[in-house]
Amino acid sequence: MLAILDVLMLILNLYTWVIIASAIFSWLYAFNIVNPSNQFVSMIGQMLYNLTEPLLRPIRRLLPSMGGLDLSPIVLLIGIFFLQNVIVRYVYPNVF
């Protein structure tokens, strides 16, 4: 059981970095710093979109429109941090 929790924590940590990378990539794309016609850049953007959009879409539907500001990655990161704290504080001690 402890190994499963460790793998879950690792997946949550990796997904946190994917969300951060997706947010940074969207800023780079919006300010035209990266070349959108480059196939490699397009492939990275599509991969990040496919990894993050299934969890961000329901959050975007619930949040009110803030104009051009997207707060859904912040809400998702707060949810991941909350889940990690619950695992560390309540689940880990009960495994031993």
N, C-alpha and C. Protein backbone atom coordinates (compact mmCIF):
# COMPACT_ATOMS: atom_id res chain seq x y z
N MET A 1 0.82 -1.20 0.00
CA MET A 1 0.00 0.00 0.00
C MET A 1 0.86 1.26 0.00
N LEU A 2 1.98 1.20 0.71
CA LEU A 2 2.87 2.35 0.77
C LEU A 2 3.47 2.65 -0.61
N ALA A 3 3.78 1.61 -1.37
CA ALA A 3 4.33 1.81 -2.71
C ALA A 3 3.30 2.47 -3.63
N ILE A 4 2.05 2.10 -3.49
CA ILE A 4 0.99 2.71 -4.30
C ILE A 4 0.85 4.19 -3.96
N LEU A 5 0.92 4.52 -2.68
CA LEU A 5 0.83 5.92 -2.28
C LEU A 5 2.04 6.72 -2.77
N ASP A 6 3.22 6.11 -2.76
CA ASP A 6 4.40 6.79 -3.27
C ASP A 6 4.28 7.05 -4.77
N VAL A 7 3.77 6.09 -5.50
CA VAL A 7 3.58 6.29 -6.94
C VAL A 7 2.52 7.37 -7.19
N LEU A 8 1.47 7.38 -6.41
CA LEU A 8 0.44 8.41 -6.55
C LEU A 8 1.00 9.80 -6.27
N MET A 9 1.83 9.91 -5.23
CA MET A 9 2.46 11.20 -4.92
C MET A 9 3.39 11.63 -6.05
N LEU A 10 4.12 10.69 -6.64
CA LEU A 10 5.01 11.00 -7.75
C LEU A 10 4.21 11.48 -8.97
N ILE A 11 3.11 10.82 -9.26
CA ILE A 11 2.26 11.22 -10.38
C ILE A 11 1.70 12.62 -10.15
N LEU A 12 1.27 12.91 -8.92
CA LEU A 12 0.75 14.24 -8.61
C LEU A 12 1.83 15.30 -8.75
N ASN A 13 3.06 14.99 -8.33
CA ASN A 13 4.17 15.94 -8.49
C ASN A 13 4.49 16.18 -9.96
N LEU A 14 4.52 15.12 -10.75
CA LEU A 14 4.79 15.28 -12.18
C LEU A 14 3.69 16.07 -12.87
N TYR A 15 2.44 15.81 -12.49
CA TYR A 15 1.33 16.53 -13.11
C TYR A 15 1.35 18.01 -12.72
N THR A 16 1.84 18.31 -11.53
CA THR A 16 2.01 19.71 -11.13
C THR A 16 2.95 20.42 -12.09
N TRP A 17 4.06 19.76 -12.43
CA TRP A 17 5.02 20.36 -13.36
C TRP A 17 4.44 20.47 -14.76
N VAL A 18 3.61 19.53 -15.16
CA VAL A 18 2.96 19.61 -16.48
C VAL A 18 2.03 20.81 -16.53
N ILE A 19 1.30 21.07 -15.47
CA ILE A 19 0.39 22.22 -15.42
C ILE A 19 1.18 23.52 -15.51
N ILE A 20 2.28 23.60 -14.77
CA ILE A 20 3.12 24.80 -14.80
C ILE A 20 3.71 25.00 -16.20
N ALA A 21 4.20 23.91 -16.81
CA ALA A 21 4.75 24.01 -18.17
C ALA A 21 3.68 24.44 -19.16
N SER A 22 2.48 23.95 -19.00
CA SER A 22 1.39 24.32 -19.90
C SER A 22 1.05 25.81 -19.77
N ALA A 23 1.03 26.31 -18.54
CA ALA A 23 0.74 27.74 -18.34
C ALA A 23 1.84 28.61 -18.94
N ILE A 24 3.10 28.24 -18.73
CA ILE A 24 4.20 29.00 -19.30
C ILE A 24 4.18 28.94 -20.82
N PHE A 25 3.91 27.76 -21.37
CA PHE A 25 3.84 27.63 -22.83
C PHE A 25 2.71 28.47 -23.40
N SER A 26 1.58 28.53 -22.71
CA SER A 26 0.47 29.34 -23.22
C SER A 26 0.83 30.82 -23.22
N TRP A 27 1.60 31.28 -22.23
CA TRP A 27 2.06 32.67 -22.22
C TRP A 27 3.03 32.92 -23.37
N LEU A 28 3.97 32.00 -23.57
CA LEU A 28 4.93 32.15 -24.66
C LEU A 28 4.22 32.16 -26.01
N TYR A 29 3.22 31.35 -26.15
CA TYR A 29 2.44 31.29 -27.39
C TYR A 29 1.61 32.57 -27.58
N ALA A 30 1.01 33.06 -26.50
CA ALA A 30 0.16 34.25 -26.59
C ALA A 30 0.96 35.50 -26.93
N PHE A 31 2.18 35.60 -26.40
CA PHE A 31 3.02 36.77 -26.67
C PHE A 31 3.91 36.58 -27.89
N ASN A 32 3.66 35.51 -28.65
CA ASN A 32 4.35 35.22 -29.91
C ASN A 32 5.86 35.12 -29.74
N ILE A 33 6.29 34.54 -28.62
CA ILE A 33 7.71 34.31 -28.38
C ILE A 33 8.15 33.02 -29.07
N VAL A 34 7.30 32.02 -29.06
CA VAL A 34 7.60 30.79 -29.78
C VAL A 34 6.93 30.85 -31.15
N ASN A 35 7.51 30.15 -32.10
CA ASN A 35 6.99 30.15 -33.47
C ASN A 35 5.86 29.12 -33.58
N PRO A 36 4.61 29.56 -33.74
CA PRO A 36 3.51 28.60 -33.78
C PRO A 36 3.49 27.74 -35.04
N SER A 37 4.20 28.15 -36.08
CA SER A 37 4.21 27.35 -37.30
C SER A 37 5.27 26.25 -37.26
N ASN A 38 6.14 26.27 -36.26
CA ASN A 38 7.14 25.22 -36.11
C ASN A 38 6.44 23.93 -35.67
N GLN A 39 6.71 22.84 -36.34
CA GLN A 39 6.02 21.58 -36.06
C GLN A 39 6.35 21.05 -34.67
N PHE A 40 7.59 21.19 -34.23
CA PHE A 40 7.99 20.70 -32.91
C PHE A 40 7.30 21.49 -31.80
N VAL A 41 7.25 22.80 -31.95
CA VAL A 41 6.57 23.65 -30.97
C VAL A 41 5.08 23.33 -30.94
N SER A 42 4.51 23.12 -32.11
CA SER A 42 3.09 22.77 -32.19
C SER A 42 2.82 21.42 -31.52
N MET A 43 3.73 20.48 -31.68
CA MET A 43 3.57 19.16 -31.08
C MET A 43 3.65 19.24 -29.55
N ILE A 44 4.57 20.04 -29.03
CA ILE A 44 4.68 20.22 -27.58
C ILE A 44 3.42 20.88 -27.04
N GLY A 45 2.95 21.91 -27.72
CA GLY A 45 1.73 22.59 -27.29
C GLY A 45 0.52 21.67 -27.30
N GLN A 46 0.41 20.84 -28.32
CA GLN A 46 -0.72 19.90 -28.39
C GLN A 46 -0.63 18.86 -27.29
N MET A 47 0.58 18.38 -27.00
CA MET A 47 0.76 17.40 -25.93
C MET A 47 0.38 17.99 -24.58
N LEU A 48 0.84 19.21 -24.29
CA LEU A 48 0.49 19.85 -23.02
C LEU A 48 -1.01 20.11 -22.93
N TYR A 49 -1.61 20.51 -24.04
CA TYR A 49 -3.05 20.74 -24.06
C TYR A 49 -3.81 19.44 -23.78
N ASN A 50 -3.39 18.35 -24.43
CA ASN A 50 -4.07 17.07 -24.24
C ASN A 50 -3.90 16.53 -22.83
N LEU A 51 -2.79 16.83 -22.18
CA LEU A 51 -2.58 16.36 -20.81
C LEU A 51 -3.35 17.16 -19.77
N THR A 52 -3.51 18.46 -20.01
CA THR A 52 -4.11 19.31 -18.98
C THR A 52 -5.59 19.62 -19.20
N GLU A 53 -6.03 19.62 -20.43
CA GLU A 53 -7.39 20.07 -20.72
C GLU A 53 -8.49 19.22 -20.08
N PRO A 54 -8.35 17.89 -19.99
CA PRO A 54 -9.45 17.12 -19.36
C PRO A 54 -9.74 17.52 -17.92
N LEU A 55 -8.76 17.99 -17.18
CA LEU A 55 -9.02 18.42 -15.81
C LEU A 55 -9.30 19.91 -15.71
N LEU A 56 -8.80 20.69 -16.65
CA LEU A 56 -9.02 22.14 -16.59
C LEU A 56 -10.39 22.54 -17.14
N ARG A 57 -10.93 21.80 -18.09
CA ARG A 57 -12.21 22.16 -18.71
C ARG A 57 -13.36 22.24 -17.71
N PRO A 58 -13.53 21.24 -16.81
CA PRO A 58 -14.64 21.38 -15.83
C PRO A 58 -14.44 22.54 -14.87
N ILE A 59 -13.19 22.84 -14.54
CA ILE A 59 -12.93 23.98 -13.65
C ILE A 59 -13.27 25.28 -14.36
N ARG A 60 -12.94 25.39 -15.65
CA ARG A 60 -13.26 26.60 -16.41
C ARG A 60 -14.76 26.81 -16.51
N ARG A 61 -15.51 25.72 -16.58
CA ARG A 61 -16.97 25.85 -16.66
C ARG A 61 -17.55 26.40 -15.36
N LEU A 62 -16.91 26.06 -14.21
CA LEU A 62 -17.42 26.50 -12.92
C LEU A 62 -16.98 27.92 -12.56
N LEU A 63 -15.79 28.33 -13.01
CA LEU A 63 -15.28 29.66 -12.67
C LEU A 63 -15.97 30.72 -13.51
N PRO A 64 -16.22 31.89 -12.93
CA PRO A 64 -16.79 32.98 -13.74
C PRO A 64 -15.75 33.51 -14.72
N SER A 65 -16.21 34.13 -15.77
CA SER A 65 -15.32 34.67 -16.79
C SER A 65 -14.55 35.86 -16.21
N MET A 66 -13.23 35.82 -16.36
CA MET A 66 -12.38 36.89 -15.85
C MET A 66 -11.72 37.65 -17.00
N GLY A 67 -12.36 37.67 -18.14
CA GLY A 67 -11.77 38.32 -19.31
C GLY A 67 -10.70 37.44 -19.91
N GLY A 68 -9.49 37.94 -20.01
CA GLY A 68 -8.39 37.17 -20.57
C GLY A 68 -7.60 36.40 -19.54
N LEU A 69 -8.02 36.44 -18.28
CA LEU A 69 -7.28 35.80 -17.20
C LEU A 69 -7.87 34.42 -16.91
N ASP A 70 -7.03 33.40 -17.00
CA ASP A 70 -7.47 32.03 -16.76
C ASP A 70 -6.94 31.56 -15.41
N LEU A 71 -7.82 31.41 -14.45
CA LEU A 71 -7.42 31.00 -13.11
C LEU A 71 -7.55 29.50 -12.87
N SER A 72 -7.99 28.77 -13.87
CA SER A 72 -8.22 27.33 -13.68
C SER A 72 -6.94 26.56 -13.34
N PRO A 73 -5.75 26.88 -13.90
CA PRO A 73 -4.56 26.15 -13.46
C PRO A 73 -4.24 26.36 -11.98
N ILE A 74 -4.50 27.56 -11.49
CA ILE A 74 -4.25 27.84 -10.06
C ILE A 74 -5.20 27.03 -9.20
N VAL A 75 -6.46 26.96 -9.59
CA VAL A 75 -7.44 26.17 -8.83
C VAL A 75 -7.06 24.69 -8.84
N LEU A 76 -6.62 24.19 -9.99
CA LEU A 76 -6.21 22.79 -10.09
C LEU A 76 -4.97 22.52 -9.25
N LEU A 77 -4.01 23.44 -9.25
CA LEU A 77 -2.82 23.26 -8.42
C LEU A 77 -3.16 23.27 -6.94
N ILE A 78 -4.07 24.13 -6.54
CA ILE A 78 -4.51 24.14 -5.13
C ILE A 78 -5.18 22.82 -4.78
N GLY A 79 -5.98 22.27 -5.70
CA GLY A 79 -6.60 20.97 -5.46
C GLY A 79 -5.58 19.85 -5.34
N ILE A 80 -4.55 19.88 -6.18
CA ILE A 80 -3.50 18.86 -6.10
C ILE A 80 -2.74 18.98 -4.79
N PHE A 81 -2.40 20.22 -4.40
CA PHE A 81 -1.68 20.40 -3.14
C PHE A 81 -2.53 19.94 -1.95
N PHE A 82 -3.83 20.20 -2.00
CA PHE A 82 -4.73 19.74 -0.95
C PHE A 82 -4.75 18.21 -0.88
N LEU A 83 -4.85 17.56 -2.04
CA LEU A 83 -4.86 16.10 -2.09
C LEU A 83 -3.55 15.52 -1.57
N GLN A 84 -2.42 16.13 -1.90
CA GLN A 84 -1.14 15.66 -1.40
C GLN A 84 -1.06 15.80 0.12
N ASN A 85 -1.56 16.90 0.66
CA ASN A 85 -1.55 17.09 2.12
C ASN A 85 -2.44 16.07 2.81
N VAL A 86 -3.59 15.77 2.23
CA VAL A 86 -4.47 14.76 2.82
C VAL A 86 -3.78 13.41 2.84
N ILE A 87 -3.10 13.07 1.75
CA ILE A 87 -2.39 11.78 1.70
C ILE A 87 -1.29 11.73 2.74
N VAL A 88 -0.49 12.79 2.82
CA VAL A 88 0.65 12.79 3.75
C VAL A 88 0.19 12.80 5.20
N ARG A 89 -0.83 13.58 5.53
CA ARG A 89 -1.22 13.73 6.93
C ARG A 89 -2.18 12.65 7.44
N TYR A 90 -3.02 12.12 6.57
CA TYR A 90 -4.04 11.19 7.05
C TYR A 90 -3.91 9.78 6.53
N VAL A 91 -3.45 9.59 5.32
CA VAL A 91 -3.39 8.25 4.75
C VAL A 91 -2.08 7.56 5.12
N TYR A 92 -0.95 8.27 4.97
CA TYR A 92 0.35 7.67 5.29
C TYR A 92 0.42 7.13 6.73
N PRO A 93 -0.01 7.90 7.74
CA PRO A 93 0.09 7.36 9.11
C PRO A 93 -0.77 6.12 9.34
N ASN A 94 -1.86 5.96 8.61
CA ASN A 94 -2.73 4.81 8.81
C ASN A 94 -2.22 3.56 8.09
N VAL A 95 -1.25 3.73 7.19
CA VAL A 95 -0.70 2.59 6.48
C VAL A 95 0.24 1.79 7.35
N PHE A 96 0.96 2.46 8.22
CA PHE A 96 1.95 1.77 9.07
C PHE A 96 1.29 0.97 10.15
